[in-house]
Amino acid sequence: MISLKNVHKAFGDKRVLQGFSLDVTEGETVVIIGYSGTGKSVAIKHIVGLLEPDEGTVIVDGLDVPTLPRRELYALRGKIGYVFQFAALFDSLSVGDNVAMGLRKLGTMSPLEIEERVDEVLGLVDLPGVQDKFPAELSGGMRKRVGIARAIAMRPKYLLYDEPTTGLDPVTSAVIDNLMVRMRDRLGVTGIVITHDMRSAYHVGTRIAMLYEGKVRQVGTVDEIRRSDDPIVRQFIEGKASLETPAGV
C-alpha cells in the first residue's frame, strides 16, 4: 500500500503541495488529474524518494520513505517501476540495452537470463524483435512502450506513469491505455497514472483523484468523478475555460 498523508512541498516561495493526502491500495490504478503545474509529478516523486516532503508522511509497504537509509531506499525503488513522460530512453543504446539497464545494475541475473527477460517484457508490450533497434528508429508510441517494458523488467509491485499518452495520436494513446490495463490485470501491478487526458483516465483508472491548489480536491471511482457536482472538478473534466481557470494554465 502507498499512503501520502498531509504532504507539503515548496520550492523557494512557490508552495506546490499543501496538505496532499492519498492512499493507493494493492491492485488498483489511481489516476491523478489536475491543471498543468499543480504538482502531480511532484507528488509521485515523493513515492520513490526523488523528493522529500517539507511536512507530512510518505509510506510505502509500511516503510517511511524519507527516513530510509540509502541501501533500503534503493531496495524499495526496485519494487517501483517509473514510466517517464517522454520515455527517457538513451539514444546511444539499443532497445535491448535500454530495457536491460536495471537488470544489469542489479547484478543477480546471468546474461542469458537478462536476454530472456528482455524478450519477455518486449513481448508483453507487443514489441517482439526490436531489441537491436535504436530509439531514433522507433515511433513515439513505440518508445513509450519500450519505456513501459523497461519499467516492468524488474517485475515491480508498483508502476508510476507520468503523462504516458502525452504527444500521442488518439489511436496510439488507446494502445498505451490498453497496455496499462494489461499490466494491472496480467501482472497484478498497482498503478498511479498522471494524465490530463480524461478519456485515458476513465479507461485505465479504478479511482481518480483531482489535485487542486496543492491538495486532493476530490477522489472517487470513475462514475463518481463523472457525476461530480464540484464546479472545479466539472470544469476540468469537461475542458471548459473560464475566468476562474488557475493562473498559468
C-alpha atoms as a PDB file:
ATOM      1  CA  MET A   1       0.000   0.000   0.000  1.00  0.00           C
ATOM      2  CA  ILE A   2       1.093   3.561  -0.719  1.00  0.00           C
ATOM      3  CA  SER A   3      -0.010   6.302   1.639  1.00  0.00           C
ATOM      4  CA  LEU A   4       0.739  10.014   1.448  1.00  0.00           C
ATOM      5  CA  LYS A   5      -0.567  11.998   4.402  1.00  0.00           C
ATOM      6  CA  ASN A   6      -0.683  15.794   4.649  1.00  0.00           C
ATOM      7  CA  VAL A   7       2.332  16.192   2.349  1.00  0.00           C
ATOM      8  CA  HIS A   8       3.640  19.739   1.902  1.00  0.00           C
ATOM      9  CA  LYS A   9       6.347  20.696  -0.570  1.00  0.00           C
ATOM     10  CA  ALA A  10       7.636  24.108  -1.594  1.00  0.00           C
ATOM     11  CA  PHE A  11      10.384  25.266  -3.907  1.00  0.00           C
ATOM     12  CA  GLY A  12      11.505  28.611  -2.607  1.00  0.00           C
ATOM     13  CA  ASP A  13       8.440  30.809  -2.298  1.00  0.00           C
ATOM     14  CA  LYS A  14       6.340  28.545  -4.511  1.00  0.00           C
ATOM     15  CA  ARG A  15       4.183  26.210  -2.449  1.00  0.00           C
ATOM     16  CA  VAL A  16       3.300  23.234  -4.627  1.00  0.00           C
ATOM     17  CA  LEU A  17       1.783  20.640  -2.300  1.00  0.00           C
ATOM     18  CA  GLN A  18      -0.233  21.967   0.611  1.00  0.00           C
ATOM     19  CA  GLY A  19      -1.649  19.021   2.507  1.00  0.00           C
ATOM     20  CA  PHE A  20      -1.739  16.376  -0.239  1.00  0.00           C
ATOM     21  CA  SER A  21      -3.171  13.076   1.030  1.00  0.00           C
ATOM     22  CA  LEU A  22      -3.841   9.927  -0.985  1.00  0.00           C
ATOM     23  CA  ASP A  23      -3.999   6.199  -0.271  1.00  0.00           C
ATOM     24  CA  VAL A  24      -3.410   3.634  -3.021  1.00  0.00           C
ATOM     25  CA  THR A  25      -4.350   0.058  -2.212  1.00  0.00           C
ATOM     26  CA  GLU A  26      -2.871  -3.005  -3.851  1.00  0.00           C
ATOM     27  CA  GLY A  27      -4.228  -3.997  -7.235  1.00  0.00           C
ATOM     28  CA  GLU A  28      -5.854  -0.693  -8.147  1.00  0.00           C
ATOM     29  CA  THR A  29      -4.890   2.012 -10.602  1.00  0.00           C
ATOM     30  CA  VAL A  30      -5.324   5.526  -9.264  1.00  0.00           C
ATOM     31  CA  VAL A  31      -5.269   8.347 -11.807  1.00  0.00           C
ATOM     32  CA  ILE A  32      -4.179  11.803 -10.655  1.00  0.00           C
ATOM     33  CA  ILE A  33      -5.627  14.613 -12.764  1.00  0.00           C
ATOM     34  CA  GLY A  34      -5.202  18.376 -12.492  1.00  0.00           C
ATOM     35  CA  TYR A  35      -4.061  21.506 -14.259  1.00  0.00           C
ATOM     36  CA  SER A  36      -0.506  21.846 -15.544  1.00  0.00           C
ATOM     37  CA  GLY A  37       1.943  22.956 -12.899  1.00  0.00           C
ATOM     38  CA  THR A  38      -0.212  21.946  -9.937  1.00  0.00           C
ATOM     39  CA  GLY A  39       2.257  19.365  -8.594  1.00  0.00           C
ATOM     40  CA  LYS A  40       1.137  15.980  -9.925  1.00  0.00           C
ATOM     41  CA  SER A  41       4.662  14.867 -10.853  1.00  0.00           C
ATOM     42  CA  VAL A  42       5.998  16.377  -7.637  1.00  0.00           C
ATOM     43  CA  ALA A  43       3.577  14.214  -5.671  1.00  0.00           C
ATOM     44  CA  ILE A  44       4.645  10.890  -7.180  1.00  0.00           C
ATOM     45  CA  LYS A  45       8.351  11.710  -6.991  1.00  0.00           C
ATOM     46  CA  HIS A  46       7.964  11.544  -3.207  1.00  0.00           C
ATOM     47  CA  ILE A  47       6.966   7.886  -3.515  1.00  0.00           C
ATOM     48  CA  VAL A  48      10.384   6.875  -4.891  1.00  0.00           C
ATOM     49  CA  GLY A  49      12.336   9.267  -2.691  1.00  0.00           C
ATOM     50  CA  LEU A  50      13.353  11.627  -5.501  1.00  0.00           C
ATOM     51  CA  LEU A  51      11.883  14.399  -3.355  1.00  0.00           C
ATOM     52  CA  GLU A  52      11.396  14.660   0.392  1.00  0.00           C
ATOM     53  CA  PRO A  53       8.357  16.358   1.917  1.00  0.00           C
ATOM     54  CA  ASP A  54       8.745  19.542   3.911  1.00  0.00           C
ATOM     55  CA  GLU A  55       5.979  18.196   6.091  1.00  0.00           C
ATOM     56  CA  GLY A  56       3.843  15.063   6.176  1.00  0.00           C
ATOM     57  CA  THR A  57       4.494  11.351   5.687  1.00  0.00           C
ATOM     58  CA  VAL A  58       5.081   9.066   2.700  1.00  0.00           C
ATOM     59  CA  ILE A  59       4.629   5.377   3.484  1.00  0.00           C
ATOM     60  CA  VAL A  60       5.182   2.513   1.027  1.00  0.00           C
ATOM     61  CA  ASP A  61       4.606  -1.033   2.277  1.00  0.00           C
ATOM     62  CA  GLY A  62       4.935   0.196   5.858  1.00  0.00           C
ATOM     63  CA  LEU A  63       8.241   1.974   5.226  1.00  0.00           C
ATOM     64  CA  ASP A  64       8.647   5.697   5.913  1.00  0.00           C
ATOM     65  CA  VAL A  65      10.298   6.658   2.624  1.00  0.00           C
ATOM     66  CA  PRO A  66      12.004   9.964   3.613  1.00  0.00           C
ATOM     67  CA  THR A  67      13.769   8.312   6.559  1.00  0.00           C
ATOM     68  CA  LEU A  68      15.120   5.262   4.723  1.00  0.00           C
ATOM     69  CA  PRO A  69      18.899   4.752   4.583  1.00  0.00           C
ATOM     70  CA  ARG A  70      20.289   4.787   1.051  1.00  0.00           C
ATOM     71  CA  ARG A  71      20.532   0.992   0.726  1.00  0.00           C
ATOM     72  CA  GLU A  72      16.942   0.449   1.890  1.00  0.00           C
ATOM     73  CA  LEU A  73      15.713   3.229  -0.394  1.00  0.00           C
ATOM     74  CA  TYR A  74      17.384   1.567  -3.392  1.00  0.00           C
ATOM     75  CA  ALA A  75      15.792  -1.750  -2.414  1.00  0.00           C
ATOM     76  CA  LEU A  76      12.383  -0.082  -2.276  1.00  0.00           C
ATOM     77  CA  ARG A  77      12.919   1.511  -5.692  1.00  0.00           C
ATOM     78  CA  GLY A  78      13.447  -1.986  -7.061  1.00  0.00           C
ATOM     79  CA  LYS A  79       9.752  -2.605  -6.309  1.00  0.00           C
ATOM     80  CA  ILE A  80       8.607   0.558  -8.104  1.00  0.00           C
ATOM     81  CA  GLY A  81       8.696   0.988 -11.866  1.00  0.00           C
ATOM     82  CA  TYR A  82       8.675   4.554 -13.222  1.00  0.00           C
ATOM     83  CA  VAL A  83       7.482   5.334 -16.740  1.00  0.00           C
ATOM     84  CA  PHE A  84       8.743   8.780 -17.671  1.00  0.00           C
ATOM     85  CA  GLN A  85       6.721  11.285 -19.685  1.00  0.00           C
ATOM     86  CA  PHE A  86       8.911  11.088 -22.790  1.00  0.00           C
ATOM     87  CA  ALA A  87      10.178   7.531 -22.180  1.00  0.00           C
ATOM     88  CA  ALA A  88      13.680   8.851 -21.255  1.00  0.00           C
ATOM     89  CA  LEU A  89      15.470   6.257 -23.367  1.00  0.00           C
ATOM     90  CA  PHE A  90      19.194   6.535 -24.019  1.00  0.00           C
ATOM     91  CA  ASP A  91      19.629   7.260 -27.729  1.00  0.00           C
ATOM     92  CA  SER A  92      23.110   5.726 -27.832  1.00  0.00           C
ATOM     93  CA  LEU A  93      21.856   2.367 -26.549  1.00  0.00           C
ATOM     94  CA  SER A  94      19.820  -0.244 -28.375  1.00  0.00           C
ATOM     95  CA  VAL A  95      16.304  -1.022 -27.246  1.00  0.00           C
ATOM     96  CA  GLY A  96      17.537  -4.231 -25.653  1.00  0.00           C
ATOM     97  CA  ASP A  97      20.255  -2.425 -23.727  1.00  0.00           C
ATOM     98  CA  ASN A  98      17.793   0.251 -22.570  1.00  0.00           C
ATOM     99  CA  VAL A  99      15.437  -2.385 -21.214  1.00  0.00           C
ATOM    100  CA  ALA A 100      18.264  -4.399 -19.626  1.00  0.00           C
ATOM    101  CA  MET A 101      19.853  -1.470 -17.767  1.00  0.00           C
ATOM    102  CA  GLY A 102      18.223  -2.066 -14.382  1.00  0.00           C
ATOM    103  CA  LEU A 103      18.685  -5.819 -14.577  1.00  0.00           C
ATOM    104  CA  ARG A 104      22.417  -5.468 -15.225  1.00  0.00           C
ATOM    105  CA  LYS A 105      22.788  -2.983 -12.409  1.00  0.00           C
ATOM    106  CA  LEU A 106      21.010  -5.403 -10.087  1.00  0.00           C
ATOM    107  CA  GLY A 107      23.759  -7.941 -10.744  1.00  0.00           C
ATOM    108  CA  THR A 108      21.789 -11.066  -9.814  1.00  0.00           C
ATOM    109  CA  MET A 109      20.990 -12.423 -13.282  1.00  0.00           C
ATOM    110  CA  SER A 110      23.152 -14.120 -15.888  1.00  0.00           C
ATOM    111  CA  PRO A 111      23.445 -12.587 -19.385  1.00  0.00           C
ATOM    112  CA  LEU A 112      21.153 -15.331 -20.737  1.00  0.00           C
ATOM    113  CA  GLU A 113      18.550 -14.673 -18.046  1.00  0.00           C
ATOM    114  CA  ILE A 114      18.659 -10.952 -18.818  1.00  0.00           C
ATOM    115  CA  GLU A 115      18.250 -11.607 -22.528  1.00  0.00           C
ATOM    116  CA  GLU A 116      15.249 -13.856 -21.832  1.00  0.00           C
ATOM    117  CA  ARG A 117      13.674 -11.241 -19.535  1.00  0.00           C
ATOM    118  CA  VAL A 118      14.149  -8.520 -22.146  1.00  0.00           C
ATOM    119  CA  ASP A 119      12.473 -10.744 -24.753  1.00  0.00           C
ATOM    120  CA  GLU A 120       9.637 -11.456 -22.322  1.00  0.00           C
ATOM    121  CA  VAL A 121       8.809  -7.854 -21.423  1.00  0.00           C
ATOM    122  CA  LEU A 122       9.098  -6.605 -25.010  1.00  0.00           C
ATOM    123  CA  GLY A 123       6.589  -9.292 -25.913  1.00  0.00           C
ATOM    124  CA  LEU A 124       4.273  -8.075 -23.159  1.00  0.00           C
ATOM    125  CA  VAL A 125       4.190  -4.609 -24.750  1.00  0.00           C
ATOM    126  CA  ASP A 126       3.735  -6.083 -28.251  1.00  0.00           C
ATOM    127  CA  LEU A 127       7.232  -5.217 -29.472  1.00  0.00           C
ATOM    128  CA  PRO A 128       8.906  -8.561 -30.163  1.00  0.00           C
ATOM    129  CA  GLY A 129      12.099  -8.491 -32.171  1.00  0.00           C
ATOM    130  CA  VAL A 130      13.066  -4.830 -31.707  1.00  0.00           C
ATOM    131  CA  GLN A 131      15.981  -5.450 -29.339  1.00  0.00           C
ATOM    132  CA  ASP A 132      18.627  -4.384 -31.842  1.00  0.00           C
ATOM    133  CA  LYS A 133      16.890  -1.210 -32.976  1.00  0.00           C
ATOM    134  CA  PHE A 134      17.730   2.208 -31.564  1.00  0.00           C
ATOM    135  CA  PRO A 135      15.223   4.693 -30.112  1.00  0.00           C
ATOM    136  CA  ALA A 136      15.578   7.021 -33.115  1.00  0.00           C
ATOM    137  CA  GLU A 137      14.242   4.228 -35.332  1.00  0.00           C
ATOM    138  CA  LEU A 138      11.015   3.954 -33.338  1.00  0.00           C
ATOM    139  CA  SER A 139       7.796   5.939 -33.405  1.00  0.00           C
ATOM    140  CA  GLY A 140       6.725   7.915 -30.355  1.00  0.00           C
ATOM    141  CA  GLY A 141       4.259   5.244 -29.329  1.00  0.00           C
ATOM    142  CA  MET A 142       6.866   2.502 -29.674  1.00  0.00           C
ATOM    143  CA  ARG A 143       9.296   4.459 -27.500  1.00  0.00           C
ATOM    144  CA  LYS A 144       6.591   4.775 -24.843  1.00  0.00           C
ATOM    145  CA  ARG A 145       6.085   1.021 -24.963  1.00  0.00           C
ATOM    146  CA  VAL A 146       9.829   0.427 -24.579  1.00  0.00           C
ATOM    147  CA  GLY A 147       9.685   2.706 -21.524  1.00  0.00           C
ATOM    148  CA  ILE A 148       6.955   0.507 -20.066  1.00  0.00           C
ATOM    149  CA  ALA A 149       8.969  -2.631 -20.884  1.00  0.00           C
ATOM    150  CA  ARG A 150      11.986  -1.209 -19.061  1.00  0.00           C
ATOM    151  CA  ALA A 151       9.810  -0.368 -16.056  1.00  0.00           C
ATOM    152  CA  ILE A 152       8.324  -3.871 -15.799  1.00  0.00           C
ATOM    153  CA  ALA A 153      11.613  -5.694 -16.447  1.00  0.00           C
ATOM    154  CA  MET A 154      12.376  -5.565 -12.734  1.00  0.00           C
ATOM    155  CA  ARG A 155       8.968  -7.139 -12.017  1.00  0.00           C
ATOM    156  CA  PRO A 156       7.867  -4.254  -9.815  1.00  0.00           C
ATOM    157  CA  LYS A 157       4.967  -4.260  -7.417  1.00  0.00           C
ATOM    158  CA  TYR A 158       4.055  -0.673  -8.313  1.00  0.00           C
ATOM    159  CA  LEU A 159       4.129   1.257 -11.587  1.00  0.00           C
ATOM    160  CA  LEU A 160       4.130   5.059 -11.746  1.00  0.00           C
ATOM    161  CA  TYR A 161       3.182   6.576 -15.113  1.00  0.00           C
ATOM    162  CA  ASP A 162       3.957  10.244 -15.733  1.00  0.00           C
ATOM    163  CA  GLU A 163       1.773  11.532 -18.611  1.00  0.00           C
ATOM    164  CA  PRO A 164       2.033   8.266 -20.589  1.00  0.00           C
ATOM    165  CA  THR A 165      -0.115   9.439 -23.536  1.00  0.00           C
ATOM    166  CA  THR A 166       1.304  12.955 -23.942  1.00  0.00           C
ATOM    167  CA  GLY A 167       2.116  13.760 -27.580  1.00  0.00           C
ATOM    168  CA  LEU A 168       0.446  10.676 -28.996  1.00  0.00           C
ATOM    169  CA  ASP A 169      -2.387  10.474 -31.504  1.00  0.00           C
ATOM    170  CA  PRO A 170      -5.724   9.043 -30.271  1.00  0.00           C
ATOM    171  CA  VAL A 171      -5.167   5.568 -31.705  1.00  0.00           C
ATOM    172  CA  THR A 172      -1.674   5.231 -30.209  1.00  0.00           C
ATOM    173  CA  SER A 173      -2.943   6.643 -26.919  1.00  0.00           C
ATOM    174  CA  ALA A 174      -5.569   3.908 -26.845  1.00  0.00           C
ATOM    175  CA  VAL A 175      -2.828   1.311 -27.338  1.00  0.00           C
ATOM    176  CA  ILE A 176      -0.928   2.687 -24.331  1.00  0.00           C
ATOM    177  CA  ASP A 177      -4.135   2.738 -22.281  1.00  0.00           C
ATOM    178  CA  ASN A 178      -4.760  -0.916 -23.063  1.00  0.00           C
ATOM    179  CA  LEU A 179      -1.199  -1.766 -22.069  1.00  0.00           C
ATOM    180  CA  MET A 180      -1.662  -0.074 -18.692  1.00  0.00           C
ATOM    181  CA  VAL A 181      -4.796  -2.121 -18.087  1.00  0.00           C
ATOM    182  CA  ARG A 182      -2.890  -5.240 -19.179  1.00  0.00           C
ATOM    183  CA  MET A 183      -0.103  -4.523 -16.654  1.00  0.00           C
ATOM    184  CA  ARG A 184      -2.694  -4.356 -13.892  1.00  0.00           C
ATOM    185  CA  ASP A 185      -4.717  -7.395 -14.915  1.00  0.00           C
ATOM    186  CA  ARG A 186      -1.975  -9.731 -16.127  1.00  0.00           C
ATOM    187  CA  LEU A 187       0.875  -8.778 -13.803  1.00  0.00           C
ATOM    188  CA  GLY A 188      -1.139  -7.622 -10.790  1.00  0.00           C
ATOM    189  CA  VAL A 189       0.724  -4.314 -10.727  1.00  0.00           C
ATOM    190  CA  THR A 190      -0.628  -1.454  -8.637  1.00  0.00           C
ATOM    191  CA  GLY A 191      -0.520   1.774 -10.642  1.00  0.00           C
ATOM    192  CA  ILE A 192      -0.542   5.527 -10.289  1.00  0.00           C
ATOM    193  CA  VAL A 193      -1.117   7.437 -13.517  1.00  0.00           C
ATOM    194  CA  ILE A 194      -0.704  11.175 -14.072  1.00  0.00           C
ATOM    195  CA  THR A 195      -2.660  12.478 -17.027  1.00  0.00           C
ATOM    196  CA  HIS A 196      -4.615  15.393 -18.479  1.00  0.00           C
ATOM    197  CA  ASP A 197      -6.438  13.031 -20.827  1.00  0.00           C
ATOM    198  CA  MET A 198      -9.857  12.285 -19.357  1.00  0.00           C
ATOM    199  CA  ARG A 199     -10.601   9.622 -21.968  1.00  0.00           C
ATOM    200  CA  SER A 200      -7.492   7.809 -20.775  1.00  0.00           C
ATOM    201  CA  ALA A 201      -8.306   8.429 -17.108  1.00  0.00           C
ATOM    202  CA  TYR A 202     -11.768   6.920 -17.472  1.00  0.00           C
ATOM    203  CA  HIS A 203     -10.377   3.879 -19.287  1.00  0.00           C
ATOM    204  CA  VAL A 204      -7.457   2.927 -17.043  1.00  0.00           C
ATOM    205  CA  GLY A 205      -8.482   4.208 -13.619  1.00  0.00           C
ATOM    206  CA  THR A 206     -10.177   2.299 -10.854  1.00  0.00           C
ATOM    207  CA  ARG A 207     -10.230   5.601  -8.957  1.00  0.00           C
ATOM    208  CA  ILE A 208      -9.488   9.193  -9.959  1.00  0.00           C
ATOM    209  CA  ALA A 209      -8.105  11.950  -7.725  1.00  0.00           C
ATOM    210  CA  MET A 210      -8.050  15.619  -8.709  1.00  0.00           C
ATOM    211  CA  LEU A 211      -5.167  17.704  -7.419  1.00  0.00           C
ATOM    212  CA  TYR A 212      -6.070  21.363  -6.985  1.00  0.00           C
ATOM    213  CA  GLU A 213      -4.330  24.116  -5.001  1.00  0.00           C
ATOM    214  CA  GLY A 214      -1.872  21.649  -3.501  1.00  0.00           C
ATOM    215  CA  LYS A 215      -4.283  19.038  -2.196  1.00  0.00           C
ATOM    216  CA  VAL A 216      -6.771  16.448  -3.367  1.00  0.00           C
ATOM    217  CA  ARG A 217      -9.958  18.258  -4.285  1.00  0.00           C
ATOM    218  CA  GLN A 218     -11.968  15.080  -4.847  1.00  0.00           C
ATOM    219  CA  VAL A 219     -11.246  11.376  -5.126  1.00  0.00           C
ATOM    220  CA  GLY A 220     -13.634   8.659  -6.217  1.00  0.00           C
ATOM    221  CA  THR A 221     -14.473   5.952  -8.695  1.00  0.00           C
ATOM    222  CA  VAL A 222     -14.751   6.778 -12.374  1.00  0.00           C
ATOM    223  CA  ASP A 223     -18.523   7.028 -12.072  1.00  0.00           C
ATOM    224  CA  GLU A 224     -18.297   9.256  -9.002  1.00  0.00           C
ATOM    225  CA  ILE A 225     -15.975  11.662 -10.791  1.00  0.00           C
ATOM    226  CA  ARG A 226     -18.146  11.656 -13.908  1.00  0.00           C
ATOM    227  CA  ARG A 227     -21.139  12.614 -11.752  1.00  0.00           C
ATOM    228  CA  SER A 228     -19.291  15.138  -9.584  1.00  0.00           C
ATOM    229  CA  ASP A 229     -21.161  18.350  -8.836  1.00  0.00           C
ATOM    230  CA  ASP A 230     -17.989  20.144  -7.725  1.00  0.00           C
ATOM    231  CA  PRO A 231     -17.646  23.090 -10.138  1.00  0.00           C
ATOM    232  CA  ILE A 232     -13.827  22.901 -10.214  1.00  0.00           C
ATOM    233  CA  VAL A 233     -13.882  19.180 -10.999  1.00  0.00           C
ATOM    234  CA  ARG A 234     -16.595  19.636 -13.632  1.00  0.00           C
ATOM    235  CA  GLN A 235     -14.696  22.471 -15.302  1.00  0.00           C
ATOM    236  CA  PHE A 236     -11.610  20.295 -15.628  1.00  0.00           C
ATOM    237  CA  ILE A 237     -13.199  17.039 -16.765  1.00  0.00           C
ATOM    238  CA  GLU A 238     -15.370  18.861 -19.311  1.00  0.00           C
ATOM    239  CA  GLY A 239     -12.482  21.021 -20.557  1.00  0.00           C
ATOM    240  CA  LYS A 240     -14.358  24.271 -20.079  1.00  0.00           C
ATOM    241  CA  ALA A 241     -12.368  27.515 -19.988  1.00  0.00           C
ATOM    242  CA  SER A 242     -13.475  30.288 -17.647  1.00  0.00           C
ATOM    243  CA  LEU A 243     -12.154  33.391 -15.971  1.00  0.00           C
ATOM    244  CA  GLU A 244     -11.598  31.271 -12.866  1.00  0.00           C
ATOM    245  CA  THR A 245      -9.134  28.969 -14.610  1.00  0.00           C
ATOM    246  CA  PRO A 246      -5.952  28.951 -12.457  1.00  0.00           C
ATOM    247  CA  ALA A 247      -3.253  31.400 -13.498  1.00  0.00           C
ATOM    248  CA  GLY A 248      -0.582  29.914 -15.718  1.00  0.00           C
ATOM    249  CA  VAL A 249      -2.845  27.246 -17.215  1.00  0.00           C
END
